[in-house]
Amino acid sequence: MRRWRGGFACLLVTASSDRSKWILPKGSLEQGETPVLGAQREIEEEAGVKSLPVMHLGVWERSGRVESYHLFRYVADCAWAERGLRDRRWVPLDEAGSIVPRKLRKVLDAARASLSES
């Protein structure tokens, strides 16, 4: 997330398997990584963005997998390992729910609720 036009914007990337599908940067942990460090690495690799962790948003089970989601604050652009494989775009948080798959909307709702409390 980052502050944008009087509110917040969410960084979305295209799925590696379908560039018409917009998702949140995500991925699997490498050996020895904590969820926060893994998420930071995935944000850099998939979107070319340095970020700082803000808070844990929650854990959801989906398709038999447990997924942990964290809110990060934009710091700066950086080298982008998956440039050319994915597109990225900043979207107002209030609009992002209409772009991402339905299963990710609860994550955006949690982010919105957390940001409104701070």
PDB file of N, CA and C in Angstrom:
ATOM      1  N   MET A   1       0.838  -1.184   0.000  1.00  0.00           N
ATOM      2  CA  MET A   1       0.000   0.000   0.000  1.00  0.00           C
ATOM      3  C   MET A   1       0.880   1.242   0.000  1.00  0.00           C
ATOM      4  N   ARG A   2       0.300   2.298  -0.474  1.00  0.00           N
ATOM      5  CA  ARG A   2       0.922   3.608  -0.336  1.00  0.00           C
ATOM      6  C   ARG A   2      -0.179   4.657  -0.343  1.00  0.00           C
ATOM      7  N   ARG A   3       0.133   5.799   0.251  1.00  0.00           N
ATOM      8  CA  ARG A   3      -0.823   6.913   0.217  1.00  0.00           C
ATOM      9  C   ARG A   3      -0.875   7.423  -1.207  1.00  0.00           C
ATOM     10  N   TRP A   4      -2.109   7.730  -1.637  1.00  0.00           N
ATOM     11  CA  TRP A   4      -2.278   8.145  -3.031  1.00  0.00           C
ATOM     12  C   TRP A   4      -3.582   8.899  -3.175  1.00  0.00           C
ATOM     13  N   ARG A   5      -3.501  10.112  -3.683  1.00  0.00           N
ATOM     14  CA  ARG A   5      -4.686  10.933  -3.991  1.00  0.00           C
ATOM     15  C   ARG A   5      -5.678  11.010  -2.840  1.00  0.00           C
ATOM     16  N   GLY A   6      -5.173  11.285  -1.659  1.00  0.00           N
ATOM     17  CA  GLY A   6      -6.042  11.453  -0.497  1.00  0.00           C
ATOM     18  C   GLY A   6      -6.513  10.155   0.127  1.00  0.00           C
ATOM     19  N   GLY A   7      -6.022   9.028  -0.338  1.00  0.00           N
ATOM     20  CA  GLY A   7      -6.406   7.735   0.218  1.00  0.00           C
ATOM     21  C   GLY A   7      -5.242   6.778   0.139  1.00  0.00           C
ATOM     22  N   PHE A   8      -5.550   5.544  -0.167  1.00  0.00           N
ATOM     23  CA  PHE A   8      -4.515   4.531  -0.289  1.00  0.00           C
ATOM     24  C   PHE A   8      -4.643   3.819  -1.628  1.00  0.00           C
ATOM     25  N   ALA A   9      -3.506   3.390  -2.145  1.00  0.00           N
ATOM     26  CA  ALA A   9      -3.479   2.597  -3.370  1.00  0.00           C
ATOM     27  C   ALA A   9      -2.839   1.253  -3.055  1.00  0.00           C
ATOM     28  N   CYS A  10      -3.278   0.264  -3.776  1.00  0.00           N
ATOM     29  CA  CYS A  10      -2.836  -1.108  -3.612  1.00  0.00           C
ATOM     30  C   CYS A  10      -2.064  -1.509  -4.866  1.00  0.00           C
ATOM     31  N   LEU A  11      -0.941  -2.191  -4.690  1.00  0.00           N
ATOM     32  CA  LEU A  11      -0.149  -2.640  -5.816  1.00  0.00           C
ATOM     33  C   LEU A  11      -0.645  -4.005  -6.286  1.00  0.00           C
ATOM     34  N   LEU A  12      -1.025  -4.082  -7.541  1.00  0.00           N
ATOM     35  CA  LEU A  12      -1.461  -5.342  -8.141  1.00  0.00           C
ATOM     36  C   LEU A  12      -0.478  -5.739  -9.227  1.00  0.00           C
ATOM     37  N   VAL A  13      -0.351  -7.036  -9.436  1.00  0.00           N
ATOM     38  CA  VAL A  13       0.474  -7.572 -10.517  1.00  0.00           C
ATOM     39  C   VAL A  13      -0.371  -8.553 -11.310  1.00  0.00           C
ATOM     40  N   THR A  14       0.030  -8.805 -12.534  1.00  0.00           N
ATOM     41  CA  THR A  14      -0.678  -9.816 -13.318  1.00  0.00           C
ATOM     42  C   THR A  14      -0.167 -11.200 -12.920  1.00  0.00           C
ATOM     43  N   ALA A  15      -1.049 -12.166 -13.010  1.00  0.00           N
ATOM     44  CA  ALA A  15      -0.680 -13.548 -12.719  1.00  0.00           C
ATOM     45  C   ALA A  15       0.317 -14.022 -13.768  1.00  0.00           C
ATOM     46  N   SER A  16       1.275 -14.834 -13.363  1.00  0.00           N
ATOM     47  CA  SER A  16       2.271 -15.318 -14.318  1.00  0.00           C
ATOM     48  C   SER A  16       1.652 -16.237 -15.359  1.00  0.00           C
ATOM     49  N   SER A  17       0.553 -16.892 -15.005  1.00  0.00           N
ATOM     50  CA  SER A  17      -0.090 -17.822 -15.938  1.00  0.00           C
ATOM     51  C   SER A  17      -1.137 -17.156 -16.825  1.00  0.00           C
ATOM     52  N   ASP A  18      -1.556 -15.931 -16.466  1.00  0.00           N
ATOM     53  CA  ASP A  18      -2.623 -15.256 -17.219  1.00  0.00           C
ATOM     54  C   ASP A  18      -2.502 -13.759 -16.995  1.00  0.00           C
ATOM     55  N   ARG A  19      -1.913 -13.059 -17.950  1.00  0.00           N
ATOM     56  CA  ARG A  19      -1.666 -11.625 -17.774  1.00  0.00           C
ATOM     57  C   ARG A  19      -2.925 -10.778 -17.825  1.00  0.00           C
ATOM     58  N   SER A  20      -4.081 -11.382 -18.027  1.00  0.00           N
ATOM     59  CA  SER A  20      -5.327 -10.620 -17.947  1.00  0.00           C
ATOM     60  C   SER A  20      -5.898 -10.650 -16.526  1.00  0.00           C
ATOM     61  N   LYS A  21      -5.292 -11.427 -15.648  1.00  0.00           N
ATOM     62  CA  LYS A  21      -5.769 -11.598 -14.273  1.00  0.00           C
ATOM     63  C   LYS A  21      -4.880 -10.801 -13.317  1.00  0.00           C
ATOM     64  N   TRP A  22      -5.487  -9.876 -12.552  1.00  0.00           N
ATOM     65  CA  TRP A  22      -4.754  -9.044 -11.596  1.00  0.00           C
ATOM     66  C   TRP A  22      -4.855  -9.660 -10.209  1.00  0.00           C
ATOM     67  N   ILE A  23      -3.696  -9.760  -9.530  1.00  0.00           N
ATOM     68  CA  ILE A  23      -3.624 -10.376  -8.205  1.00  0.00           C
ATOM     69  C   ILE A  23      -2.704  -9.562  -7.297  1.00  0.00           C
ATOM     70  N   LEU A  24      -2.649  -9.944  -6.037  1.00  0.00           N
ATOM     71  CA  LEU A  24      -1.680  -9.383  -5.109  1.00  0.00           C
ATOM     72  C   LEU A  24      -0.369 -10.153  -5.269  1.00  0.00           C
ATOM     73  N   PRO A  25       0.779  -9.485  -5.118  1.00  0.00           N
ATOM     74  CA  PRO A  25       2.030 -10.238  -5.150  1.00  0.00           C
ATOM     75  C   PRO A  25       2.011 -11.307  -4.059  1.00  0.00           C
ATOM     76  N   LYS A  26       2.458 -12.509  -4.402  1.00  0.00           N
ATOM     77  CA  LYS A  26       2.420 -13.607  -3.434  1.00  0.00           C
ATOM     78  C   LYS A  26       3.368 -14.703  -3.888  1.00  0.00           C
ATOM     79  N   GLY A  27       3.552 -15.691  -3.031  1.00  0.00           N
ATOM     80  CA  GLY A  27       4.403 -16.804  -3.416  1.00  0.00           C
ATOM     81  C   GLY A  27       4.672 -17.735  -2.261  1.00  0.00           C
ATOM     82  N   SER A  28       5.538 -18.677  -2.496  1.00  0.00           N
ATOM     83  CA  SER A  28       5.901 -19.667  -1.491  1.00  0.00           C
ATOM     84  C   SER A  28       7.163 -19.244  -0.757  1.00  0.00           C
ATOM     85  N   LEU A  29       7.278 -19.735   0.464  1.00  0.00           N
ATOM     86  CA  LEU A  29       8.456 -19.430   1.268  1.00  0.00           C
ATOM     87  C   LEU A  29       9.637 -20.282   0.829  1.00  0.00           C
ATOM     88  N   GLU A  30      10.804 -19.683   0.880  1.00  0.00           N
ATOM     89  CA  GLU A  30      12.028 -20.430   0.671  1.00  0.00           C
ATOM     90  C   GLU A  30      12.484 -20.955   2.026  1.00  0.00           C
ATOM     91  N   GLN A  31      13.306 -21.972   2.018  1.00  0.00           N
ATOM     92  CA  GLN A  31      13.747 -22.592   3.264  1.00  0.00           C
ATOM     93  C   GLN A  31      14.350 -21.561   4.205  1.00  0.00           C
ATOM     94  N   GLY A  32      13.863 -21.578   5.454  1.00  0.00           N
ATOM     95  CA  GLY A  32      14.377 -20.687   6.484  1.00  0.00           C
ATOM     96  C   GLY A  32      13.751 -19.300   6.500  1.00  0.00           C
ATOM     97  N   GLU A  33      12.876 -18.987   5.551  1.00  0.00           N
ATOM     98  CA  GLU A  33      12.248 -17.667   5.492  1.00  0.00           C
ATOM     99  C   GLU A  33      11.055 -17.580   6.431  1.00  0.00           C
ATOM    100  N   THR A  34      10.897 -16.425   7.029  1.00  0.00           N
ATOM    101  CA  THR A  34       9.670 -16.150   7.774  1.00  0.00           C
ATOM    102  C   THR A  34       8.620 -15.678   6.767  1.00  0.00           C
ATOM    103  N   PRO A  35       7.336 -15.742   7.121  1.00  0.00           N
ATOM    104  CA  PRO A  35       6.309 -15.239   6.196  1.00  0.00           C
ATOM    105  C   PRO A  35       6.531 -13.784   5.783  1.00  0.00           C
ATOM    106  N   VAL A  36       6.968 -12.944   6.704  1.00  0.00           N
ATOM    107  CA  VAL A  36       7.179 -11.531   6.367  1.00  0.00           C
ATOM    108  C   VAL A  36       8.336 -11.373   5.381  1.00  0.00           C
ATOM    109  N   LEU A  37       9.454 -12.041   5.639  1.00  0.00           N
ATOM    110  CA  LEU A  37      10.591 -11.937   4.720  1.00  0.00           C
ATOM    111  C   LEU A  37      10.268 -12.539   3.359  1.00  0.00           C
ATOM    112  N   GLY A  38       9.516 -13.636   3.348  1.00  0.00           N
ATOM    113  CA  GLY A  38       9.109 -14.227   2.073  1.00  0.00           C
ATOM    114  C   GLY A  38       8.215 -13.293   1.285  1.00  0.00           C
ATOM    115  N   ALA A  39       7.288 -12.646   1.968  1.00  0.00           N
ATOM    116  CA  ALA A  39       6.391 -11.705   1.293  1.00  0.00           C
ATOM    117  C   ALA A  39       7.170 -10.512   0.745  1.00  0.00           C
ATOM    118  N   GLN A  40       8.111  -9.994   1.524  1.00  0.00           N
ATOM    119  CA  GLN A  40       8.932  -8.879   1.037  1.00  0.00           C
ATOM    120  C   GLN A  40       9.704  -9.283  -0.216  1.00  0.00           C
ATOM    121  N   ARG A  41      10.296 -10.464  -0.210  1.00  0.00           N
ATOM    122  CA  ARG A  41      11.049 -10.949  -1.363  1.00  0.00           C
ATOM    123  C   ARG A  41      10.147 -11.082  -2.586  1.00  0.00           C
ATOM    124  N   GLU A  42       8.943 -11.636  -2.385  1.00  0.00           N
ATOM    125  CA  GLU A  42       8.016 -11.812  -3.508  1.00  0.00           C
ATOM    126  C   GLU A  42       7.571 -10.473  -4.080  1.00  0.00           C
ATOM    127  N   ILE A  43       7.348  -9.485  -3.240  1.00  0.00           N
ATOM    128  CA  ILE A  43       6.966  -8.147  -3.715  1.00  0.00           C
ATOM    129  C   ILE A  43       8.076  -7.573  -4.589  1.00  0.00           C
ATOM    130  N   GLU A  44       9.328  -7.739  -4.156  1.00  0.00           N
ATOM    131  CA  GLU A  44      10.459  -7.257  -4.956  1.00  0.00           C
ATOM    132  C   GLU A  44      10.547  -7.994  -6.282  1.00  0.00           C
ATOM    133  N   GLU A  45      10.461  -9.339  -6.241  1.00  0.00           N
ATOM    134  CA  GLU A  45      10.619 -10.134  -7.452  1.00  0.00           C
ATOM    135  C   GLU A  45       9.482  -9.923  -8.446  1.00  0.00           C
ATOM    136  N   GLU A  46       8.250  -9.921  -7.955  1.00  0.00           N
ATOM    137  CA  GLU A  46       7.083  -9.864  -8.834  1.00  0.00           C
ATOM    138  C   GLU A  46       6.702  -8.454  -9.248  1.00  0.00           C
ATOM    139  N   ALA A  47       7.054  -7.453  -8.422  1.00  0.00           N
ATOM    140  CA  ALA A  47       6.587  -6.098  -8.709  1.00  0.00           C
ATOM    141  C   ALA A  47       7.677  -5.046  -8.742  1.00  0.00           C
ATOM    142  N   GLY A  48       8.898  -5.384  -8.364  1.00  0.00           N
ATOM    143  CA  GLY A  48       9.972  -4.400  -8.394  1.00  0.00           C
ATOM    144  C   GLY A  48       9.775  -3.284  -7.396  1.00  0.00           C
ATOM    145  N   VAL A  49       9.341  -3.650  -6.178  1.00  0.00           N
ATOM    146  CA  VAL A  49       9.055  -2.652  -5.155  1.00  0.00           C
ATOM    147  C   VAL A  49       9.692  -3.061  -3.828  1.00  0.00           C
ATOM    148  N   LYS A  50      10.447  -2.139  -3.231  1.00  0.00           N
ATOM    149  CA  LYS A  50      10.945  -2.301  -1.866  1.00  0.00           C
ATOM    150  C   LYS A  50       9.818  -1.878  -0.935  1.00  0.00           C
ATOM    151  N   SER A  51       9.660  -2.624   0.159  1.00  0.00           N
ATOM    152  CA  SER A  51       8.558  -2.332   1.068  1.00  0.00           C
ATOM    153  C   SER A  51       8.964  -2.620   2.501  1.00  0.00           C
ATOM    154  N   LEU A  52       8.175  -2.083   3.422  1.00  0.00           N
ATOM    155  CA  LEU A  52       8.346  -2.335   4.847  1.00  0.00           C
ATOM    156  C   LEU A  52       7.065  -2.926   5.404  1.00  0.00           C
ATOM    157  N   PRO A  53       7.190  -3.930   6.275  1.00  0.00           N
ATOM    158  CA  PRO A  53       5.981  -4.525   6.857  1.00  0.00           C
ATOM    159  C   PRO A  53       5.280  -3.548   7.795  1.00  0.00           C
ATOM    160  N   VAL A  54       3.959  -3.541   7.741  1.00  0.00           N
ATOM    161  CA  VAL A  54       3.146  -2.696   8.614  1.00  0.00           C
ATOM    162  C   VAL A  54       2.420  -3.565   9.632  1.00  0.00           C
ATOM    163  N   MET A  55       1.723  -4.601   9.142  1.00  0.00           N
ATOM    164  CA  MET A  55       0.980  -5.474  10.057  1.00  0.00           C
ATOM    165  C   MET A  55       0.567  -6.767   9.369  1.00  0.00           C
ATOM    166  N   HIS A  56       0.257  -7.729  10.200  1.00  0.00           N
ATOM    167  CA  HIS A  56      -0.286  -9.006   9.720  1.00  0.00           C
ATOM    168  C   HIS A  56      -1.791  -8.816   9.562  1.00  0.00           C
ATOM    169  N   LEU A  57      -2.326  -9.193   8.411  1.00  0.00           N
ATOM    170  CA  LEU A  57      -3.756  -9.017   8.147  1.00  0.00           C
ATOM    171  C   LEU A  57      -4.594 -10.234   8.513  1.00  0.00           C
ATOM    172  N   GLY A  58      -3.996 -11.409   8.449  1.00  0.00           N
ATOM    173  CA  GLY A  58      -4.751 -12.596   8.793  1.00  0.00           C
ATOM    174  C   GLY A  58      -4.283 -13.817   8.043  1.00  0.00           C
ATOM    175  N   VAL A  59      -4.881 -14.941   8.422  1.00  0.00           N
ATOM    176  CA  VAL A  59      -4.586 -16.227   7.800  1.00  0.00           C
ATOM    177  C   VAL A  59      -5.895 -16.780   7.280  1.00  0.00           C
ATOM    178  N   TRP A  60      -5.882 -17.231   6.033  1.00  0.00           N
ATOM    179  CA  TRP A  60      -7.069 -17.816   5.428  1.00  0.00           C
ATOM    180  C   TRP A  60      -6.709 -19.154   4.816  1.00  0.00           C
ATOM    181  N   GLU A  61      -7.636 -20.095   4.901  1.00  0.00           N
ATOM    182  CA  GLU A  61      -7.427 -21.379   4.244  1.00  0.00           C
ATOM    183  C   GLU A  61      -8.149 -21.344   2.911  1.00  0.00           C
ATOM    184  N   ARG A  62      -7.426 -21.778   1.868  1.00  0.00           N
ATOM    185  CA  ARG A  62      -7.997 -21.788   0.532  1.00  0.00           C
ATOM    186  C   ARG A  62      -7.471 -23.011  -0.200  1.00  0.00           C
ATOM    187  N   SER A  63      -8.355 -23.798  -0.710  1.00  0.00           N
ATOM    188  CA  SER A  63      -7.986 -25.001  -1.471  1.00  0.00           C
ATOM    189  C   SER A  63      -7.041 -25.905  -0.684  1.00  0.00           C
ATOM    190  N   GLY A  64      -7.308 -26.046   0.609  1.00  0.00           N
ATOM    191  CA  GLY A  64      -6.490 -26.911   1.447  1.00  0.00           C
ATOM    192  C   GLY A  64      -5.145 -26.336   1.847  1.00  0.00           C
ATOM    193  N   ARG A  65      -4.889 -25.084   1.472  1.00  0.00           N
ATOM    194  CA  ARG A  65      -3.629 -24.414   1.834  1.00  0.00           C
ATOM    195  C   ARG A  65      -3.919 -23.293   2.806  1.00  0.00           C
ATOM    196  N   VAL A  66      -3.007 -23.084   3.717  1.00  0.00           N
ATOM    197  CA  VAL A  66      -3.111 -21.966   4.649  1.00  0.00           C
ATOM    198  C   VAL A  66      -2.259 -20.831   4.095  1.00  0.00           C
ATOM    199  N   GLU A  67      -2.878 -19.669   3.942  1.00  0.00           N
ATOM    200  CA  GLU A  67      -2.179 -18.509   3.391  1.00  0.00           C
ATOM    201  C   GLU A  67      -2.194 -17.374   4.405  1.00  0.00           C
ATOM    202  N   SER A  68      -1.044 -16.779   4.607  1.00  0.00           N
ATOM    203  CA  SER A  68      -0.882 -15.677   5.546  1.00  0.00           C
ATOM    204  C   SER A  68      -0.691 -14.395   4.742  1.00  0.00           C
ATOM    205  N   TYR A  69      -1.429 -13.360   5.094  1.00  0.00           N
ATOM    206  CA  TYR A  69      -1.347 -12.090   4.361  1.00  0.00           C
ATOM    207  C   TYR A  69      -0.874 -10.979   5.278  1.00  0.00           C
ATOM    208  N   HIS A  70      -0.018 -10.132   4.721  1.00  0.00           N
ATOM    209  CA  HIS A  70       0.582  -9.029   5.466  1.00  0.00           C
ATOM    210  C   HIS A  70       0.403  -7.734   4.678  1.00  0.00           C
ATOM    211  N   LEU A  71       0.312  -6.652   5.402  1.00  0.00           N
ATOM    212  CA  LEU A  71       0.229  -5.328   4.792  1.00  0.00           C
ATOM    213  C   LEU A  71       1.631  -4.726   4.798  1.00  0.00           C
ATOM    214  N   PHE A  72       2.041  -4.220   3.642  1.00  0.00           N
ATOM    215  CA  PHE A  72       3.352  -3.592   3.502  1.00  0.00           C
ATOM    216  C   PHE A  72       3.182  -2.171   2.993  1.00  0.00           C
ATOM    217  N   ARG A  73       4.146  -1.325   3.357  1.00  0.00           N
ATOM    218  CA  ARG A  73       4.161   0.068   2.900  1.00  0.00           C
ATOM    219  C   ARG A  73       5.231   0.221   1.830  1.00  0.00           C
ATOM    220  N   TYR A  74       4.871   0.875   0.749  1.00  0.00           N
ATOM    221  CA  TYR A  74       5.800   1.156  -0.352  1.00  0.00           C
ATOM    222  C   TYR A  74       6.952   2.018   0.150  1.00  0.00           C
ATOM    223  N   VAL A  75       8.171   1.659  -0.270  1.00  0.00           N
ATOM    224  CA  VAL A  75       9.356   2.459   0.039  1.00  0.00           C
ATOM    225  C   VAL A  75       9.950   3.034  -1.238  1.00  0.00           C
ATOM    226  N   ALA A  76      10.225   2.167  -2.230  1.00  0.00           N
ATOM    227  CA  ALA A  76      10.856   2.629  -3.476  1.00  0.00           C
ATOM    228  C   ALA A  76      10.777   1.533  -4.527  1.00  0.00           C
ATOM    229  N   ASP A  77      10.936   1.937  -5.773  1.00  0.00           N
ATOM    230  CA  ASP A  77      11.072   0.961  -6.848  1.00  0.00           C
ATOM    231  C   ASP A  77      12.474   0.361  -6.777  1.00  0.00           C
ATOM    232  N   CYS A  78      12.620  -0.864  -7.288  1.00  0.00           N
ATOM    233  CA  CYS A  78      13.913  -1.544  -7.275  1.00  0.00           C
ATOM    234  C   CYS A  78      14.007  -2.462  -8.493  1.00  0.00           C
ATOM    235  N   ALA A  79      15.100  -3.204  -8.591  1.00  0.00           N
ATOM    236  CA  ALA A  79      15.262  -4.164  -9.683  1.00  0.00           C
ATOM    237  C   ALA A  79      14.077  -5.124  -9.670  1.00  0.00           C
ATOM    238  N   TRP A  80      13.600  -5.459 -10.852  1.00  0.00           N
ATOM    239  CA  TRP A  80      12.360  -6.218 -10.982  1.00  0.00           C
ATOM    240  C   TRP A  80      12.651  -7.508 -11.737  1.00  0.00           C
ATOM    241  N   ALA A  81      12.829  -8.610 -10.986  1.00  0.00           N
ATOM    242  CA  ALA A  81      13.214  -9.891 -11.582  1.00  0.00           C
ATOM    243  C   ALA A  81      12.202 -10.392 -12.603  1.00  0.00           C
ATOM    244  N   GLU A  82      10.919 -10.117 -12.397  1.00  0.00           N
ATOM    245  CA  GLU A  82       9.884 -10.655 -13.284  1.00  0.00           C
ATOM    246  C   GLU A  82       9.331  -9.613 -14.266  1.00  0.00           C
ATOM    247  N   ARG A  83      10.087  -8.537 -14.449  1.00  0.00           N
ATOM    248  CA  ARG A  83       9.699  -7.532 -15.450  1.00  0.00           C
ATOM    249  C   ARG A  83       9.655  -8.228 -16.809  1.00  0.00           C
ATOM    250  N   GLY A  84       8.641  -7.984 -17.567  1.00  0.00           N
ATOM    251  CA  GLY A  84       8.467  -8.650 -18.850  1.00  0.00           C
ATOM    252  C   GLY A  84       7.591  -9.885 -18.742  1.00  0.00           C
ATOM    253  N   LEU A  85       7.533 -10.481 -17.549  1.00  0.00           N
ATOM    254  CA  LEU A  85       6.659 -11.624 -17.310  1.00  0.00           C
ATOM    255  C   LEU A  85       5.334 -11.194 -16.707  1.00  0.00           C
ATOM    256  N   ARG A  86       5.352 -10.058 -16.018  1.00  0.00           N
ATOM    257  CA  ARG A  86       4.163  -9.526 -15.339  1.00  0.00           C
ATOM    258  C   ARG A  86       4.046  -8.034 -15.611  1.00  0.00           C
ATOM    259  N   ASP A  87       2.853  -7.543 -15.456  1.00  0.00           N
ATOM    260  CA  ASP A  87       2.609  -6.108 -15.445  1.00  0.00           C
ATOM    261  C   ASP A  87       2.280  -5.741 -13.999  1.00  0.00           C
ATOM    262  N   ARG A  88       2.419  -4.481 -13.662  1.00  0.00           N
ATOM    263  CA  ARG A  88       2.045  -4.016 -12.321  1.00  0.00           C
ATOM    264  C   ARG A  88       1.290  -2.709 -12.464  1.00  0.00           C
ATOM    265  N   ARG A  89       0.464  -2.439 -11.455  1.00  0.00           N
ATOM    266  CA  ARG A  89      -0.220  -1.144 -11.443  1.00  0.00           C
ATOM    267  C   ARG A  89      -0.727  -0.833 -10.042  1.00  0.00           C
ATOM    268  N   TRP A  90      -0.721   0.452  -9.732  1.00  0.00           N
ATOM    269  CA  TRP A  90      -1.269   0.938  -8.474  1.00  0.00           C
ATOM    270  C   TRP A  90      -2.734   1.253  -8.704  1.00  0.00           C
ATOM    271  N   VAL A  91      -3.582   0.755  -7.825  1.00  0.00           N
ATOM    272  CA  VAL A  91      -5.024   0.912  -7.963  1.00  0.00           C
ATOM    273  C   VAL A  91      -5.561   1.463  -6.641  1.00  0.00           C
ATOM    274  N   PRO A  92      -6.462   2.460  -6.679  1.00  0.00           N
ATOM    275  CA  PRO A  92      -7.057   2.913  -5.428  1.00  0.00           C
ATOM    276  C   PRO A  92      -7.638   1.718  -4.670  1.00  0.00           C
ATOM    277  N   LEU A  93      -7.392   1.673  -3.379  1.00  0.00           N
ATOM    278  CA  LEU A  93      -7.830   0.538  -2.574  1.00  0.00           C
ATOM    279  C   LEU A  93      -9.322   0.270  -2.723  1.00  0.00           C
ATOM    280  N   ASP A  94     -10.114   1.321  -2.823  1.00  0.00           N
ATOM    281  CA  ASP A  94     -11.563   1.145  -2.963  1.00  0.00           C
ATOM    282  C   ASP A  94     -11.965   0.527  -4.300  1.00  0.00           C
ATOM    283  N   GLU A  95     -11.098   0.562  -5.292  1.00  0.00           N
ATOM    284  CA  GLU A  95     -11.397  -0.019  -6.605  1.00  0.00           C
ATOM    285  C   GLU A  95     -10.782  -1.408  -6.799  1.00  0.00           C
ATOM    286  N   ALA A  96      -9.778  -1.742  -5.992  1.00  0.00           N
ATOM    287  CA  ALA A  96      -9.028  -2.982  -6.194  1.00  0.00           C
ATOM    288  C   ALA A  96      -9.908  -4.230  -6.065  1.00  0.00           C
ATOM    289  N   GLY A  97     -10.907  -4.189  -5.195  1.00  0.00           N
ATOM    290  CA  GLY A  97     -11.777  -5.343  -5.002  1.00  0.00           C
ATOM    291  C   GLY A  97     -12.551  -5.736  -6.246  1.00  0.00           C
ATOM    292  N   SER A  98     -12.790  -4.786  -7.128  1.00  0.00           N
ATOM    293  CA  SER A  98     -13.520  -5.101  -8.360  1.00  0.00           C
ATOM    294  C   SER A  98     -12.602  -5.640  -9.451  1.00  0.00           C
ATOM    295  N   ILE A  99     -11.288  -5.647  -9.197  1.00  0.00           N
ATOM    296  CA  ILE A  99     -10.319  -6.083 -10.191  1.00  0.00           C
ATOM    297  C   ILE A  99      -9.744  -7.460  -9.869  1.00  0.00           C
ATOM    298  N   VAL A 100      -9.517  -7.723  -8.590  1.00  0.00           N
ATOM    299  CA  VAL A 100      -8.893  -8.990  -8.189  1.00  0.00           C
ATOM    300  C   VAL A 100      -9.935 -10.110  -8.122  1.00  0.00           C
ATOM    301  N   PRO A 101      -9.481 -11.371  -8.134  1.00  0.00           N
ATOM    302  CA  PRO A 101     -10.423 -12.479  -7.946  1.00  0.00           C
ATOM    303  C   PRO A 101     -11.148 -12.363  -6.601  1.00  0.00           C
ATOM    304  N   ARG A 102     -12.346 -12.864  -6.553  1.00  0.00           N
ATOM    305  CA  ARG A 102     -13.202 -12.748  -5.365  1.00  0.00           C
ATOM    306  C   ARG A 102     -12.495 -13.235  -4.100  1.00  0.00           C
ATOM    307  N   LYS A 103     -11.694 -14.301  -4.189  1.00  0.00           N
ATOM    308  CA  LYS A 103     -11.043 -14.867  -3.018  1.00  0.00           C
ATOM    309  C   LYS A 103     -10.059 -13.890  -2.355  1.00  0.00           C
ATOM    310  N   LEU A 104      -9.587 -12.879  -3.090  1.00  0.00           N
ATOM    311  CA  LEU A 104      -8.661 -11.899  -2.519  1.00  0.00           C
ATOM    312  C   LEU A 104      -9.372 -10.690  -1.928  1.00  0.00           C
ATOM    313  N   ARG A 105     -10.649 -10.573  -2.127  1.00  0.00           N
ATOM    314  CA  ARG A 105     -11.381  -9.395  -1.626  1.00  0.00           C
ATOM    315  C   ARG A 105     -11.363  -9.308  -0.109  1.00  0.00           C
ATOM    316  N   LYS A 106     -11.379 -10.457   0.578  1.00  0.00           N
ATOM    317  CA  LYS A 106     -11.350 -10.424   2.046  1.00  0.00           C
ATOM    318  C   LYS A 106     -10.015  -9.871   2.549  1.00  0.00           C
ATOM    319  N   VAL A 107      -8.949 -10.095   1.808  1.00  0.00           N
ATOM    320  CA  VAL A 107      -7.651  -9.544   2.176  1.00  0.00           C
ATOM    321  C   VAL A 107      -7.686  -8.024   2.042  1.00  0.00           C
ATOM    322  N   LEU A 108      -8.247  -7.538   0.942  1.00  0.00           N
ATOM    323  CA  LEU A 108      -8.363  -6.091   0.742  1.00  0.00           C
ATOM    324  C   LEU A 108      -9.291  -5.475   1.781  1.00  0.00           C
ATOM    325  N   ASP A 109     -10.359  -6.170   2.149  1.00  0.00           N
ATOM    326  CA  ASP A 109     -11.255  -5.681   3.199  1.00  0.00           C
ATOM    327  C   ASP A 109     -10.523  -5.543   4.530  1.00  0.00           C
ATOM    328  N   ALA A 110      -9.677  -6.540   4.846  1.00  0.00           N
ATOM    329  CA  ALA A 110      -8.905  -6.490   6.079  1.00  0.00           C
ATOM    330  C   ALA A 110      -7.922  -5.328   6.049  1.00  0.00           C
ATOM    331  N   ALA A 111      -7.297  -5.101   4.908  1.00  0.00           N
ATOM    332  CA  ALA A 111      -6.373  -3.975   4.774  1.00  0.00           C
ATOM    333  C   ALA A 111      -7.105  -2.645   4.953  1.00  0.00           C
ATOM    334  N   ARG A 112      -8.242  -2.526   4.305  1.00  0.00           N
ATOM    335  CA  ARG A 112      -9.041  -1.298   4.409  1.00  0.00           C
ATOM    336  C   ARG A 112      -9.443  -1.033   5.855  1.00  0.00           C
ATOM    337  N   ALA A 113      -9.897  -2.064   6.561  1.00  0.00           N
ATOM    338  CA  ALA A 113     -10.303  -1.919   7.960  1.00  0.00           C
ATOM    339  C   ALA A 113      -9.121  -1.522   8.828  1.00  0.00           C
ATOM    340  N   SER A 114      -7.971  -2.134   8.600  1.00  0.00           N
ATOM    341  CA  SER A 114      -6.780  -1.811   9.390  1.00  0.00           C
ATOM    342  C   SER A 114      -6.308  -0.372   9.140  1.00  0.00           C
ATOM    343  N   LEU A 115      -6.347   0.049   7.899  1.00  0.00           N
ATOM    344  CA  LEU A 115      -5.913   1.407   7.560  1.00  0.00           C
ATOM    345  C   LEU A 115      -6.879   2.452   8.106  1.00  0.00           C
ATOM    346  N   SER A 116      -8.152   2.150   8.164  1.00  0.00           N
ATOM    347  CA  SER A 116      -9.117   3.127   8.691  1.00  0.00           C
ATOM    348  C   SER A 116      -8.999   3.271  10.198  1.00  0.00           C
ATOM    349  N   GLU A 117      -8.443   2.253  10.864  1.00  0.00           N
ATOM    350  CA  GLU A 117      -8.269   2.312  12.312  1.00  0.00           C
ATOM    351  C   GLU A 117      -6.991   3.064  12.704  1.00  0.00           C
ATOM    352  N   SER A 118      -6.053   3.196  11.759  1.00  0.00           N
ATOM    353  CA  SER A 118      -4.774   3.821  12.106  1.00  0.00           C
ATOM    354  C   SER A 118      -4.787   5.309  11.857  1.00  0.00           C
TER     355      SER A 118
END
